[in-house]
Every structure is written in C-alpha cells, then in structure tokens.
C-alpha cells in the first residue's frame, strides 16, 4: 500500500497520504485545514514512521498542532 496515516477527530476518521490526498473518510472543514498544515510540518516524521513500520518496528509519536 502507499504511505499513509490515519487521523481521528470525535466521530470522524480519515486516511491520507503524505501529500495531503484523502484516501478515505471525512473530516470537518476546519479540522481538515489544520490537518493539512500538520502534514506539511511533519512530512519527514511521517515518512520515518512509515519506514519503521514497514520493517516491522514500532513507531514514534508525532506531536499535534499546538
């Protein structure tokens, strides 16, 4: 599968690639804008986590937007 992540907000869930393309799910408009900003800030960390998980290793937590 392509590199992606899952995000959750209240009863919403979304799956998105590292370029901000939505693969599945929905988010409220305001939270989606924040998520796009978060992806831009953490693209390298997302890729590092994907690489770890692809090798069967754990992952590290990426900080939320402050």
C-alpha atoms as a PDB file:
ATOM      1  CA  UNK A   1       0.000   0.000   0.000  1.00  0.00           C
ATOM      2  CA  UNK A   2       1.048   3.591  -0.428  1.00  0.00           C
ATOM      3  CA  UNK A   3       2.487   5.502   2.549  1.00  0.00           C
ATOM      4  CA  UNK A   4      -0.395   6.984   4.531  1.00  0.00           C
ATOM      5  CA  UNK A   5      -1.623   7.752   8.027  1.00  0.00           C
ATOM      6  CA  UNK A   6      -4.892   7.742   9.910  1.00  0.00           C
ATOM      7  CA  UNK A   7      -6.279  10.668  11.900  1.00  0.00           C
ATOM      8  CA  UNK A   8      -9.269  10.847  14.212  1.00  0.00           C
ATOM      9  CA  UNK A   9     -11.427  13.705  15.435  1.00  0.00           C
ATOM     10  CA  UNK A  10     -14.526  13.000  17.522  1.00  0.00           C
ATOM     11  CA  UNK A  11     -16.595  10.550  15.425  1.00  0.00           C
ATOM     12  CA  UNK A  12     -14.634  11.306  12.220  1.00  0.00           C
ATOM     13  CA  UNK A  13     -11.719   9.348  10.815  1.00  0.00           C
ATOM     14  CA  UNK A  14      -9.620   9.922   7.739  1.00  0.00           C
ATOM     15  CA  UNK A  15      -6.809   8.212   5.872  1.00  0.00           C
ATOM     16  CA  UNK A  16      -4.423  10.494   3.994  1.00  0.00           C
ATOM     17  CA  UNK A  17      -1.190  10.160   2.061  1.00  0.00           C
ATOM     18  CA  UNK A  18       1.821  12.292   2.901  1.00  0.00           C
ATOM     19  CA  UNK A  19       0.957  14.798   0.153  1.00  0.00           C
ATOM     20  CA  UNK A  20      -2.425  15.538   1.741  1.00  0.00           C
ATOM     21  CA  UNK A  21      -4.573  13.477  -0.617  1.00  0.00           C
ATOM     22  CA  UNK A  22      -7.569  11.928   1.146  1.00  0.00           C
ATOM     23  CA  UNK A  23      -7.680   8.173   0.632  1.00  0.00           C
ATOM     24  CA  UNK A  24     -10.818   7.520   2.681  1.00  0.00           C
ATOM     25  CA  UNK A  25     -13.029   9.110   5.304  1.00  0.00           C
ATOM     26  CA  UNK A  26     -14.040  12.668   6.078  1.00  0.00           C
ATOM     27  CA  UNK A  27     -13.136  15.445   8.499  1.00  0.00           C
ATOM     28  CA  UNK A  28     -14.925  18.682   9.366  1.00  0.00           C
ATOM     29  CA  UNK A  29     -13.686  21.554   7.175  1.00  0.00           C
ATOM     30  CA  UNK A  30     -11.846  23.432   9.959  1.00  0.00           C
ATOM     31  CA  UNK A  31     -10.084  20.324  11.255  1.00  0.00           C
ATOM     32  CA  UNK A  32      -9.172  19.292   7.712  1.00  0.00           C
ATOM     33  CA  UNK A  33      -7.385  22.620   7.183  1.00  0.00           C
ATOM     34  CA  UNK A  34      -5.461  22.055  10.422  1.00  0.00           C
ATOM     35  CA  UNK A  35      -4.598  18.525   9.350  1.00  0.00           C
ATOM     36  CA  UNK A  36      -3.188  19.783   6.033  1.00  0.00           C
ATOM     37  CA  UNK A  37      -0.955  22.209   7.975  1.00  0.00           C
ATOM     38  CA  UNK A  38       0.139  19.400  10.319  1.00  0.00           C
ATOM     39  CA  UNK A  39       1.070  17.154   7.364  1.00  0.00           C
ATOM     40  CA  UNK A  40       3.257  19.889   5.874  1.00  0.00           C
ATOM     41  CA  UNK A  41       5.061  20.368   9.188  1.00  0.00           C
ATOM     42  CA  UNK A  42       5.615  16.650   9.834  1.00  0.00           C
ATOM     43  CA  UNK A  43       6.154  15.101   6.391  1.00  0.00           C
ATOM     44  CA  UNK A  44       9.662  13.834   7.254  1.00  0.00           C
ATOM     45  CA  UNK A  45       8.474  12.317  10.539  1.00  0.00           C
ATOM     46  CA  UNK A  46       5.553  10.623   8.781  1.00  0.00           C
ATOM     47  CA  UNK A  47       7.945   9.066   6.270  1.00  0.00           C
ATOM     48  CA  UNK A  48      10.322   7.954   9.044  1.00  0.00           C
ATOM     49  CA  UNK A  49       7.425   6.288  10.879  1.00  0.00           C
ATOM     50  CA  UNK A  50       6.276   4.598   7.669  1.00  0.00           C
ATOM     51  CA  UNK A  51       9.788   3.252   7.121  1.00  0.00           C
ATOM     52  CA  UNK A  52       9.928   1.892  10.684  1.00  0.00           C
ATOM     53  CA  UNK A  53       6.508   0.269  10.463  1.00  0.00           C
ATOM     54  CA  UNK A  54       7.279  -1.226   7.043  1.00  0.00           C
ATOM     55  CA  UNK A  55      10.244  -3.035   8.613  1.00  0.00           C
ATOM     56  CA  UNK A  56       8.102  -4.410  11.441  1.00  0.00           C
ATOM     57  CA  UNK A  57       9.389  -1.948  14.013  1.00  0.00           C
ATOM     58  CA  UNK A  58       7.360   0.316  16.262  1.00  0.00           C
ATOM     59  CA  UNK A  59       6.655   3.943  15.579  1.00  0.00           C
ATOM     60  CA  UNK A  60       7.153   7.193  17.465  1.00  0.00           C
ATOM     61  CA  UNK A  61       4.509   9.710  18.416  1.00  0.00           C
ATOM     62  CA  UNK A  62       4.315  12.862  16.309  1.00  0.00           C
ATOM     63  CA  UNK A  63       3.274  15.974  18.187  1.00  0.00           C
ATOM     64  CA  UNK A  64      -0.126  17.507  17.425  1.00  0.00           C
ATOM     65  CA  UNK A  65      -0.533  21.127  16.354  1.00  0.00           C
ATOM     66  CA  UNK A  66      -0.110  23.437  19.316  1.00  0.00           C
END
